[in-house]
Amino acid sequence: NFRLKGLAGFVGAAGLVRDPAVRWVVVGKGDPGPYRRMAEKLGRLDRMEFRGPADDLGDLYQAADLLVQPTHYDPCSMTTLEALACGLPVLTSAFNGAGEIVAAEGGGRVVADPTDAAGFSRAVEESRGGDAAALRLRARAAAERQGEETWARGFLAIASEVHAARRGS
C-alpha cells in the first residue's frame, strides 16, 4: 500500500536530496504511476527505480545503505525489523511502532511526521555523512538486543544463512 507506507513523502524527500550519488529503489505492490510522475516533476526519476513486489528482500537489504519508510500507520513494521536484523539502518516515521526500537537503540532515525519531506531528506543526508559501518553495526545490535527476548535471533539466523548461502553459490 504505497499511500499508507508514505511513498509520496519518500518521493518528496528524494526530490530534496541533492547528492547525485544517491539512488532510490522502491519495492512493493501498487500502482507506481503517480509516484513516477511525481519523481519526474522533481527531476529524480533518473535516480529512482520502481521494482514492484519482491518475495525475498535479503539481497536488497544487503545492497542498500538505508531503508526509508515514512509510514502513516504501521503498528510494528516487519520490513523495519528485517532491515535491522540484516544490519540495515532505518529511517522511519513516528507512526511506525518499530520506530521505538530504531530510536532507542540507535539503529537509524525517526522523523515525527511522515509528510515532512525536508526532515526525511535531512536525515538521509546526515546518514550519508557518518560512519556507515558503525551505523550498520548499531542497526544490527538493535535487532540483537531486542531479539534476545523475542524475534531477532530468528531473523538474524535466517538472514545470516541466506547471506552465507548466496555468498557460497
N, C-alpha and C. Protein backbone atom coordinates (compact mmCIF):
# COMPACT_ATOMS: atom_id res chain seq x y z
N ASN A 1 0.84 -1.17 0.00
CA ASN A 1 0.00 0.00 0.00
C ASN A 1 0.90 1.25 0.00
N PHE A 2 1.20 1.73 -1.20
CA PHE A 2 2.13 2.86 -1.32
C PHE A 2 1.65 4.09 -0.55
N ARG A 3 0.36 4.35 -0.57
CA ARG A 3 -0.15 5.54 0.12
C ARG A 3 0.07 5.42 1.62
N LEU A 4 -0.31 4.30 2.20
CA LEU A 4 -0.18 4.10 3.63
C LEU A 4 1.29 4.07 4.07
N LYS A 5 2.14 3.52 3.25
CA LYS A 5 3.56 3.43 3.59
C LYS A 5 4.31 4.74 3.39
N GLY A 6 3.63 5.76 2.86
CA GLY A 6 4.23 7.08 2.76
C GLY A 6 5.09 7.30 1.54
N LEU A 7 4.79 6.64 0.44
CA LEU A 7 5.62 6.78 -0.75
C LEU A 7 5.65 8.22 -1.27
N ALA A 8 4.56 8.95 -1.16
CA ALA A 8 4.57 10.35 -1.61
C ALA A 8 5.59 11.16 -0.82
N GLY A 9 5.64 10.95 0.49
CA GLY A 9 6.64 11.64 1.32
C GLY A 9 8.05 11.22 0.97
N PHE A 10 8.21 9.94 0.66
CA PHE A 10 9.51 9.42 0.25
C PHE A 10 9.98 10.08 -1.04
N VAL A 11 9.10 10.14 -2.02
CA VAL A 11 9.46 10.77 -3.31
C VAL A 11 9.74 12.26 -3.09
N GLY A 12 8.93 12.90 -2.25
CA GLY A 12 9.18 14.31 -1.94
C GLY A 12 10.54 14.53 -1.30
N ALA A 13 10.91 13.64 -0.39
CA ALA A 13 12.23 13.73 0.25
C ALA A 13 13.34 13.50 -0.78
N ALA A 14 13.13 12.53 -1.68
CA ALA A 14 14.12 12.26 -2.72
C ALA A 14 14.33 13.50 -3.58
N GLY A 15 13.27 14.25 -3.80
CA GLY A 15 13.38 15.47 -4.60
C GLY A 15 14.23 16.54 -3.94
N LEU A 16 14.39 16.46 -2.63
CA LEU A 16 15.18 17.47 -1.91
C LEU A 16 16.64 17.06 -1.70
N VAL A 17 16.95 15.78 -1.85
CA VAL A 17 18.32 15.31 -1.67
C VAL A 17 19.10 15.65 -2.93
N ARG A 18 20.10 16.47 -2.79
CA ARG A 18 20.84 16.97 -3.96
C ARG A 18 22.04 16.12 -4.36
N ASP A 19 22.48 15.24 -3.51
CA ASP A 19 23.64 14.41 -3.81
C ASP A 19 23.33 13.52 -5.01
N PRO A 20 24.02 13.70 -6.14
CA PRO A 20 23.73 12.91 -7.34
C PRO A 20 24.10 11.43 -7.20
N ALA A 21 24.84 11.08 -6.16
CA ALA A 21 25.22 9.68 -5.97
C ALA A 21 24.09 8.87 -5.33
N VAL A 22 23.11 9.55 -4.75
CA VAL A 22 22.01 8.84 -4.09
C VAL A 22 21.07 8.26 -5.13
N ARG A 23 20.82 6.95 -5.01
CA ARG A 23 19.90 6.24 -5.87
C ARG A 23 18.80 5.67 -4.99
N TRP A 24 17.59 5.61 -5.51
CA TRP A 24 16.44 5.17 -4.75
C TRP A 24 15.82 3.96 -5.43
N VAL A 25 15.45 2.96 -4.64
CA VAL A 25 14.77 1.78 -5.15
C VAL A 25 13.46 1.64 -4.37
N VAL A 26 12.36 1.56 -5.09
CA VAL A 26 11.04 1.41 -4.48
C VAL A 26 10.59 -0.02 -4.72
N VAL A 27 10.26 -0.72 -3.64
CA VAL A 27 9.80 -2.10 -3.73
C VAL A 27 8.43 -2.20 -3.08
N GLY A 28 7.50 -2.84 -3.77
CA GLY A 28 6.19 -3.05 -3.18
C GLY A 28 5.11 -3.14 -4.23
N LYS A 29 3.95 -3.56 -3.75
CA LYS A 29 2.78 -3.68 -4.63
C LYS A 29 2.12 -2.32 -4.76
N GLY A 30 1.44 -2.14 -5.85
CA GLY A 30 0.70 -0.90 -6.05
C GLY A 30 1.02 -0.29 -7.40
N ASP A 31 0.28 0.73 -7.73
CA ASP A 31 0.46 1.44 -8.98
C ASP A 31 1.52 2.52 -8.80
N PRO A 32 2.69 2.35 -9.41
CA PRO A 32 3.74 3.34 -9.24
C PRO A 32 3.55 4.60 -10.09
N GLY A 33 2.54 4.58 -10.99
CA GLY A 33 2.35 5.69 -11.93
C GLY A 33 2.35 7.07 -11.31
N PRO A 34 1.52 7.34 -10.31
CA PRO A 34 1.50 8.68 -9.72
C PRO A 34 2.84 9.07 -9.10
N TYR A 35 3.54 8.10 -8.54
CA TYR A 35 4.81 8.38 -7.88
C TYR A 35 5.93 8.57 -8.90
N ARG A 36 5.85 7.86 -10.01
CA ARG A 36 6.80 8.08 -11.12
C ARG A 36 6.65 9.50 -11.66
N ARG A 37 5.39 9.90 -11.85
CA ARG A 37 5.14 11.27 -12.36
C ARG A 37 5.65 12.32 -11.38
N MET A 38 5.43 12.06 -10.10
CA MET A 38 5.91 12.98 -9.07
C MET A 38 7.44 13.06 -9.11
N ALA A 39 8.10 11.91 -9.20
CA ALA A 39 9.57 11.87 -9.27
C ALA A 39 10.07 12.58 -10.52
N GLU A 40 9.36 12.42 -11.63
CA GLU A 40 9.74 13.09 -12.87
C GLU A 40 9.64 14.62 -12.72
N LYS A 41 8.55 15.08 -12.11
CA LYS A 41 8.38 16.53 -11.89
C LYS A 41 9.47 17.10 -10.99
N LEU A 42 9.95 16.28 -10.06
CA LEU A 42 11.01 16.72 -9.14
C LEU A 42 12.41 16.53 -9.71
N GLY A 43 12.49 15.96 -10.92
CA GLY A 43 13.79 15.74 -11.55
C GLY A 43 14.56 14.59 -10.95
N ARG A 44 13.87 13.60 -10.40
CA ARG A 44 14.55 12.48 -9.75
C ARG A 44 14.23 11.12 -10.37
N LEU A 45 13.45 11.10 -11.41
CA LEU A 45 13.07 9.82 -12.00
C LEU A 45 14.29 9.04 -12.49
N ASP A 46 15.31 9.74 -12.95
CA ASP A 46 16.52 9.06 -13.43
C ASP A 46 17.30 8.38 -12.30
N ARG A 47 17.01 8.76 -11.05
CA ARG A 47 17.69 8.15 -9.91
C ARG A 47 16.76 7.27 -9.08
N MET A 48 15.57 6.97 -9.60
CA MET A 48 14.60 6.20 -8.85
C MET A 48 14.13 5.01 -9.68
N GLU A 49 14.25 3.83 -9.09
CA GLU A 49 13.83 2.60 -9.75
C GLU A 49 12.62 2.03 -9.02
N PHE A 50 11.58 1.72 -9.77
CA PHE A 50 10.38 1.10 -9.22
C PHE A 50 10.41 -0.37 -9.60
N ARG A 51 10.68 -1.25 -8.64
CA ARG A 51 10.87 -2.67 -8.93
C ARG A 51 9.61 -3.51 -8.82
N GLY A 52 8.59 -3.03 -8.17
CA GLY A 52 7.41 -3.84 -7.94
C GLY A 52 7.60 -4.71 -6.71
N PRO A 53 6.73 -5.71 -6.54
CA PRO A 53 6.83 -6.56 -5.34
C PRO A 53 8.03 -7.49 -5.41
N ALA A 54 8.53 -7.85 -4.24
CA ALA A 54 9.66 -8.78 -4.14
C ALA A 54 9.37 -9.79 -3.03
N ASP A 55 9.62 -11.06 -3.33
CA ASP A 55 9.40 -12.11 -2.33
C ASP A 55 10.54 -12.16 -1.32
N ASP A 56 11.75 -11.92 -1.77
CA ASP A 56 12.93 -12.03 -0.92
C ASP A 56 13.65 -10.69 -0.92
N LEU A 57 13.65 -10.04 0.21
CA LEU A 57 14.28 -8.72 0.30
C LEU A 57 15.72 -8.78 0.80
N GLY A 58 16.21 -9.96 1.15
CA GLY A 58 17.55 -10.10 1.72
C GLY A 58 18.64 -9.44 0.89
N ASP A 59 18.65 -9.69 -0.41
CA ASP A 59 19.67 -9.08 -1.27
C ASP A 59 19.55 -7.57 -1.31
N LEU A 60 18.31 -7.08 -1.32
CA LEU A 60 18.11 -5.62 -1.33
C LEU A 60 18.59 -5.00 -0.03
N TYR A 61 18.30 -5.64 1.09
CA TYR A 61 18.77 -5.13 2.39
C TYR A 61 20.30 -5.08 2.41
N GLN A 62 20.93 -6.11 1.86
CA GLN A 62 22.40 -6.15 1.86
C GLN A 62 23.00 -5.09 0.94
N ALA A 63 22.33 -4.79 -0.15
CA ALA A 63 22.86 -3.82 -1.12
C ALA A 63 22.58 -2.37 -0.74
N ALA A 64 21.58 -2.16 0.08
CA ALA A 64 21.16 -0.79 0.41
C ALA A 64 22.02 -0.18 1.51
N ASP A 65 21.99 1.14 1.56
CA ASP A 65 22.65 1.88 2.64
C ASP A 65 21.67 2.28 3.73
N LEU A 66 20.39 2.33 3.38
CA LEU A 66 19.38 2.83 4.31
C LEU A 66 18.00 2.39 3.84
N LEU A 67 17.15 1.99 4.78
CA LEU A 67 15.75 1.73 4.48
C LEU A 67 14.97 2.98 4.88
N VAL A 68 14.22 3.54 3.94
CA VAL A 68 13.40 4.71 4.23
C VAL A 68 11.94 4.27 4.16
N GLN A 69 11.23 4.43 5.29
CA GLN A 69 9.83 4.02 5.35
C GLN A 69 9.03 5.07 6.15
N PRO A 70 8.57 6.12 5.46
CA PRO A 70 7.82 7.19 6.15
C PRO A 70 6.34 6.84 6.31
N THR A 71 6.07 5.71 6.93
CA THR A 71 4.72 5.18 7.03
C THR A 71 3.76 6.10 7.78
N HIS A 72 2.50 6.06 7.36
CA HIS A 72 1.44 6.81 8.04
C HIS A 72 0.81 5.99 9.15
N TYR A 73 0.94 4.66 9.08
CA TYR A 73 0.43 3.79 10.12
C TYR A 73 1.01 2.40 9.95
N ASP A 74 1.69 1.93 10.97
CA ASP A 74 2.21 0.57 10.98
C ASP A 74 2.47 0.22 12.44
N PRO A 75 1.67 -0.66 13.03
CA PRO A 75 1.86 -0.98 14.45
C PRO A 75 3.27 -1.48 14.77
N CYS A 76 3.83 -2.29 13.89
CA CYS A 76 5.20 -2.77 14.06
C CYS A 76 5.65 -3.35 12.73
N SER A 77 6.31 -2.54 11.93
CA SER A 77 6.66 -2.91 10.57
C SER A 77 7.65 -4.07 10.53
N MET A 78 7.22 -5.15 9.89
CA MET A 78 8.10 -6.29 9.70
C MET A 78 9.30 -5.91 8.83
N THR A 79 9.08 -5.05 7.86
CA THR A 79 10.17 -4.59 6.99
C THR A 79 11.25 -3.91 7.83
N THR A 80 10.85 -3.08 8.77
CA THR A 80 11.81 -2.41 9.64
C THR A 80 12.60 -3.42 10.46
N LEU A 81 11.92 -4.39 11.03
CA LEU A 81 12.59 -5.40 11.85
C LEU A 81 13.55 -6.24 11.02
N GLU A 82 13.13 -6.63 9.84
CA GLU A 82 14.01 -7.41 8.95
C GLU A 82 15.24 -6.59 8.57
N ALA A 83 15.04 -5.33 8.24
CA ALA A 83 16.18 -4.48 7.85
C ALA A 83 17.18 -4.38 8.99
N LEU A 84 16.70 -4.12 10.20
CA LEU A 84 17.60 -4.03 11.35
C LEU A 84 18.35 -5.34 11.55
N ALA A 85 17.64 -6.46 11.45
CA ALA A 85 18.27 -7.77 11.63
C ALA A 85 19.36 -8.02 10.60
N CYS A 86 19.22 -7.42 9.43
CA CYS A 86 20.24 -7.55 8.37
C CYS A 86 21.33 -6.48 8.50
N GLY A 87 21.24 -5.64 9.52
CA GLY A 87 22.25 -4.60 9.71
C GLY A 87 22.01 -3.38 8.86
N LEU A 88 20.79 -3.20 8.39
CA LEU A 88 20.46 -2.05 7.55
C LEU A 88 19.83 -0.96 8.42
N PRO A 89 20.44 0.20 8.51
CA PRO A 89 19.85 1.30 9.27
C PRO A 89 18.50 1.70 8.67
N VAL A 90 17.62 2.20 9.52
CA VAL A 90 16.25 2.52 9.14
C VAL A 90 15.95 3.98 9.42
N LEU A 91 15.28 4.60 8.48
CA LEU A 91 14.74 5.94 8.63
C LEU A 91 13.24 5.80 8.48
N THR A 92 12.49 6.08 9.54
CA THR A 92 11.05 5.87 9.52
C THR A 92 10.35 7.01 10.23
N SER A 93 9.02 6.92 10.26
CA SER A 93 8.22 7.95 10.92
C SER A 93 7.84 7.50 12.33
N ALA A 94 7.34 8.44 13.10
CA ALA A 94 6.87 8.14 14.45
C ALA A 94 5.62 7.29 14.44
N PHE A 95 5.01 7.08 13.27
CA PHE A 95 3.81 6.27 13.16
C PHE A 95 4.13 4.80 12.93
N ASN A 96 5.39 4.44 13.00
CA ASN A 96 5.83 3.05 12.88
C ASN A 96 6.17 2.58 14.29
N GLY A 97 5.41 1.61 14.80
CA GLY A 97 5.68 1.10 16.14
C GLY A 97 7.10 0.59 16.31
N ALA A 98 7.67 0.03 15.26
CA ALA A 98 9.05 -0.44 15.32
C ALA A 98 10.04 0.72 15.40
N GLY A 99 9.57 1.93 15.14
CA GLY A 99 10.43 3.11 15.26
C GLY A 99 10.94 3.29 16.68
N GLU A 100 10.21 2.78 17.66
CA GLU A 100 10.67 2.86 19.04
C GLU A 100 11.99 2.11 19.21
N ILE A 101 12.13 0.98 18.55
CA ILE A 101 13.36 0.21 18.60
C ILE A 101 14.48 0.97 17.90
N VAL A 102 14.15 1.53 16.74
CA VAL A 102 15.14 2.31 15.97
C VAL A 102 15.66 3.46 16.82
N ALA A 103 14.76 4.21 17.43
CA ALA A 103 15.15 5.39 18.21
C ALA A 103 15.91 5.01 19.48
N ALA A 104 15.42 4.01 20.19
CA ALA A 104 16.02 3.63 21.46
C ALA A 104 17.39 3.01 21.30
N GLU A 105 17.59 2.29 20.24
CA GLU A 105 18.83 1.53 20.07
C GLU A 105 19.83 2.17 19.11
N GLY A 106 19.47 3.26 18.46
CA GLY A 106 20.40 3.92 17.56
C GLY A 106 20.58 3.23 16.23
N GLY A 107 19.57 2.47 15.80
CA GLY A 107 19.65 1.75 14.53
C GLY A 107 19.19 2.57 13.34
N GLY A 108 19.14 3.88 13.49
CA GLY A 108 18.69 4.76 12.42
C GLY A 108 18.09 6.01 13.02
N ARG A 109 17.07 6.54 12.35
CA ARG A 109 16.43 7.78 12.81
C ARG A 109 14.93 7.69 12.65
N VAL A 110 14.23 8.46 13.48
CA VAL A 110 12.78 8.56 13.40
C VAL A 110 12.42 10.02 13.20
N VAL A 111 11.66 10.29 12.15
CA VAL A 111 11.15 11.63 11.86
C VAL A 111 9.69 11.63 12.28
N ALA A 112 9.27 12.64 13.01
CA ALA A 112 7.92 12.65 13.60
C ALA A 112 6.82 12.52 12.55
N ASP A 113 6.88 13.32 11.52
CA ASP A 113 5.78 13.43 10.56
C ASP A 113 6.14 12.74 9.25
N PRO A 114 5.34 11.77 8.81
CA PRO A 114 5.66 11.07 7.56
C PRO A 114 5.57 11.97 6.32
N THR A 115 4.95 13.12 6.43
CA THR A 115 4.86 14.04 5.29
C THR A 115 5.96 15.11 5.32
N ASP A 116 6.86 15.02 6.27
CA ASP A 116 7.94 16.01 6.41
C ASP A 116 9.09 15.66 5.46
N ALA A 117 8.92 16.01 4.19
CA ALA A 117 9.94 15.68 3.18
C ALA A 117 11.29 16.31 3.54
N ALA A 118 11.28 17.53 4.04
CA ALA A 118 12.54 18.19 4.41
C ALA A 118 13.22 17.45 5.56
N GLY A 119 12.43 17.00 6.53
CA GLY A 119 13.00 16.25 7.64
C GLY A 119 13.60 14.93 7.20
N PHE A 120 12.90 14.23 6.31
CA PHE A 120 13.43 12.97 5.80
C PHE A 120 14.67 13.19 4.93
N SER A 121 14.66 14.22 4.10
CA SER A 121 15.83 14.46 3.25
C SER A 121 17.05 14.83 4.10
N ARG A 122 16.85 15.64 5.14
CA ARG A 122 17.96 15.97 6.05
C ARG A 122 18.51 14.71 6.70
N ALA A 123 17.61 13.84 7.15
CA ALA A 123 18.04 12.60 7.80
C ALA A 123 18.80 11.70 6.83
N VAL A 124 18.37 11.65 5.58
CA VAL A 124 19.09 10.86 4.57
C VAL A 124 20.49 11.43 4.39
N GLU A 125 20.59 12.74 4.22
CA GLU A 125 21.90 13.37 4.01
C GLU A 125 22.80 13.20 5.24
N GLU A 126 22.23 13.32 6.44
CA GLU A 126 23.03 13.13 7.65
C GLU A 126 23.52 11.70 7.78
N SER A 127 22.69 10.74 7.37
CA SER A 127 23.11 9.33 7.47
C SER A 127 24.26 9.03 6.52
N ARG A 128 24.33 9.77 5.42
CA ARG A 128 25.41 9.55 4.45
C ARG A 128 26.71 10.18 4.92
N GLY A 129 26.64 11.14 5.80
CA GLY A 129 27.85 11.84 6.24
C GLY A 129 28.59 11.14 7.36
N GLY A 130 27.99 10.13 7.97
CA GLY A 130 28.61 9.48 9.11
C GLY A 130 29.37 8.23 8.72
N ASP A 131 29.69 7.46 9.74
CA ASP A 131 30.39 6.20 9.57
C ASP A 131 29.36 5.11 9.26
N ALA A 132 29.25 4.74 8.00
CA ALA A 132 28.23 3.79 7.56
C ALA A 132 28.40 2.43 8.25
N ALA A 133 29.64 1.98 8.42
CA ALA A 133 29.87 0.68 9.05
C ALA A 133 29.40 0.70 10.50
N ALA A 134 29.66 1.78 11.20
CA ALA A 134 29.23 1.89 12.60
C ALA A 134 27.71 1.93 12.69
N LEU A 135 27.06 2.63 11.75
CA LEU A 135 25.60 2.70 11.76
C LEU A 135 25.00 1.32 11.49
N ARG A 136 25.62 0.56 10.59
CA ARG A 136 25.13 -0.80 10.31
C ARG A 136 25.29 -1.69 11.55
N LEU A 137 26.39 -1.54 12.25
CA LEU A 137 26.59 -2.32 13.47
C LEU A 137 25.56 -1.96 14.53
N ARG A 138 25.25 -0.68 14.66
CA ARG A 138 24.23 -0.26 15.63
C ARG A 138 22.85 -0.80 15.24
N ALA A 139 22.56 -0.80 13.94
CA ALA A 139 21.28 -1.33 13.48
C ALA A 139 21.16 -2.81 13.84
N ARG A 140 22.19 -3.55 13.54
CA ARG A 140 22.15 -4.99 13.84
C ARG A 140 22.14 -5.23 15.35
N ALA A 141 22.90 -4.44 16.09
CA ALA A 141 22.90 -4.56 17.56
C ALA A 141 21.51 -4.26 18.13
N ALA A 142 20.81 -3.32 17.53
CA ALA A 142 19.45 -3.01 17.98
C ALA A 142 18.57 -4.23 17.83
N ALA A 143 18.69 -4.90 16.71
CA ALA A 143 17.90 -6.11 16.48
C ALA A 143 18.31 -7.22 17.44
N GLU A 144 19.60 -7.36 17.67
CA GLU A 144 20.07 -8.41 18.57
C GLU A 144 19.58 -8.18 20.00
N ARG A 145 19.66 -6.94 20.48
CA ARG A 145 19.21 -6.66 21.84
C ARG A 145 17.72 -6.93 22.00
N GLN A 146 16.94 -6.52 21.03
CA GLN A 146 15.51 -6.78 21.10
C GLN A 146 15.21 -8.26 20.95
N GLY A 147 15.98 -8.91 20.14
CA GLY A 147 15.71 -10.31 19.81
C GLY A 147 16.07 -11.29 20.89
N GLU A 148 16.86 -10.89 21.86
CA GLU A 148 17.18 -11.82 22.94
C GLU A 148 15.91 -12.29 23.64
N GLU A 149 14.90 -11.47 23.62
CA GLU A 149 13.65 -11.84 24.28
C GLU A 149 12.58 -12.29 23.29
N THR A 150 12.65 -11.87 22.03
CA THR A 150 11.52 -12.16 21.14
C THR A 150 11.93 -12.71 19.79
N TRP A 151 12.15 -11.84 18.80
CA TRP A 151 12.16 -12.25 17.40
C TRP A 151 13.48 -12.20 16.69
N ALA A 152 14.42 -11.40 17.09
CA ALA A 152 15.58 -11.10 16.24
C ALA A 152 16.51 -12.28 16.02
N ARG A 153 16.67 -13.16 16.99
CA ARG A 153 17.56 -14.29 16.75
C ARG A 153 17.12 -15.09 15.53
N GLY A 154 15.84 -15.28 15.41
CA GLY A 154 15.34 -15.99 14.23
C GLY A 154 15.63 -15.24 12.95
N PHE A 155 15.38 -13.92 12.96
CA PHE A 155 15.67 -13.11 11.77
C PHE A 155 17.17 -13.11 11.46
N LEU A 156 17.99 -12.95 12.50
CA LEU A 156 19.43 -12.91 12.28
C LEU A 156 19.94 -14.24 11.73
N ALA A 157 19.45 -15.33 12.27
CA ALA A 157 19.87 -16.64 11.79
C ALA A 157 19.47 -16.84 10.33
N ILE A 158 18.24 -16.49 10.02
CA ILE A 158 17.77 -16.63 8.64
C ILE A 158 18.56 -15.73 7.71
N ALA A 159 18.72 -14.47 8.12
CA ALA A 159 19.46 -13.52 7.27
C ALA A 159 20.91 -13.99 7.07
N SER A 160 21.53 -14.49 8.12
CA SER A 160 22.92 -14.97 8.02
C SER A 160 23.02 -16.19 7.12
N GLU A 161 22.07 -17.12 7.28
CA GLU A 161 22.07 -18.32 6.45
C GLU A 161 21.86 -17.98 4.98
N VAL A 162 20.91 -17.11 4.72
CA VAL A 162 20.64 -16.70 3.34
C VAL A 162 21.86 -16.01 2.75
N HIS A 163 22.43 -15.11 3.53
CA HIS A 163 23.61 -14.37 3.04
C HIS A 163 24.78 -15.34 2.79
N ALA A 164 25.00 -16.26 3.73
CA ALA A 164 26.09 -17.23 3.56
C ALA A 164 25.84 -18.14 2.37
N ALA A 165 24.61 -18.57 2.19
CA ALA A 165 24.28 -19.45 1.05
C ALA A 165 24.49 -18.73 -0.26
N ARG A 166 24.13 -17.47 -0.30
CA ARG A 166 24.29 -16.71 -1.55
C ARG A 166 25.76 -16.42 -1.83
N ARG A 167 26.53 -16.21 -0.79
CA ARG A 167 27.97 -15.99 -0.99
C ARG A 167 28.65 -17.24 -1.53
N GLY A 168 28.19 -18.40 -1.04
CA GLY A 168 28.78 -19.66 -1.45
C GLY A 168 28.40 -20.12 -2.84
N SER A 169 27.32 -19.52 -3.38
CA SER A 169 26.87 -20.00 -4.70
C SER A 169 27.42 -19.19 -5.82
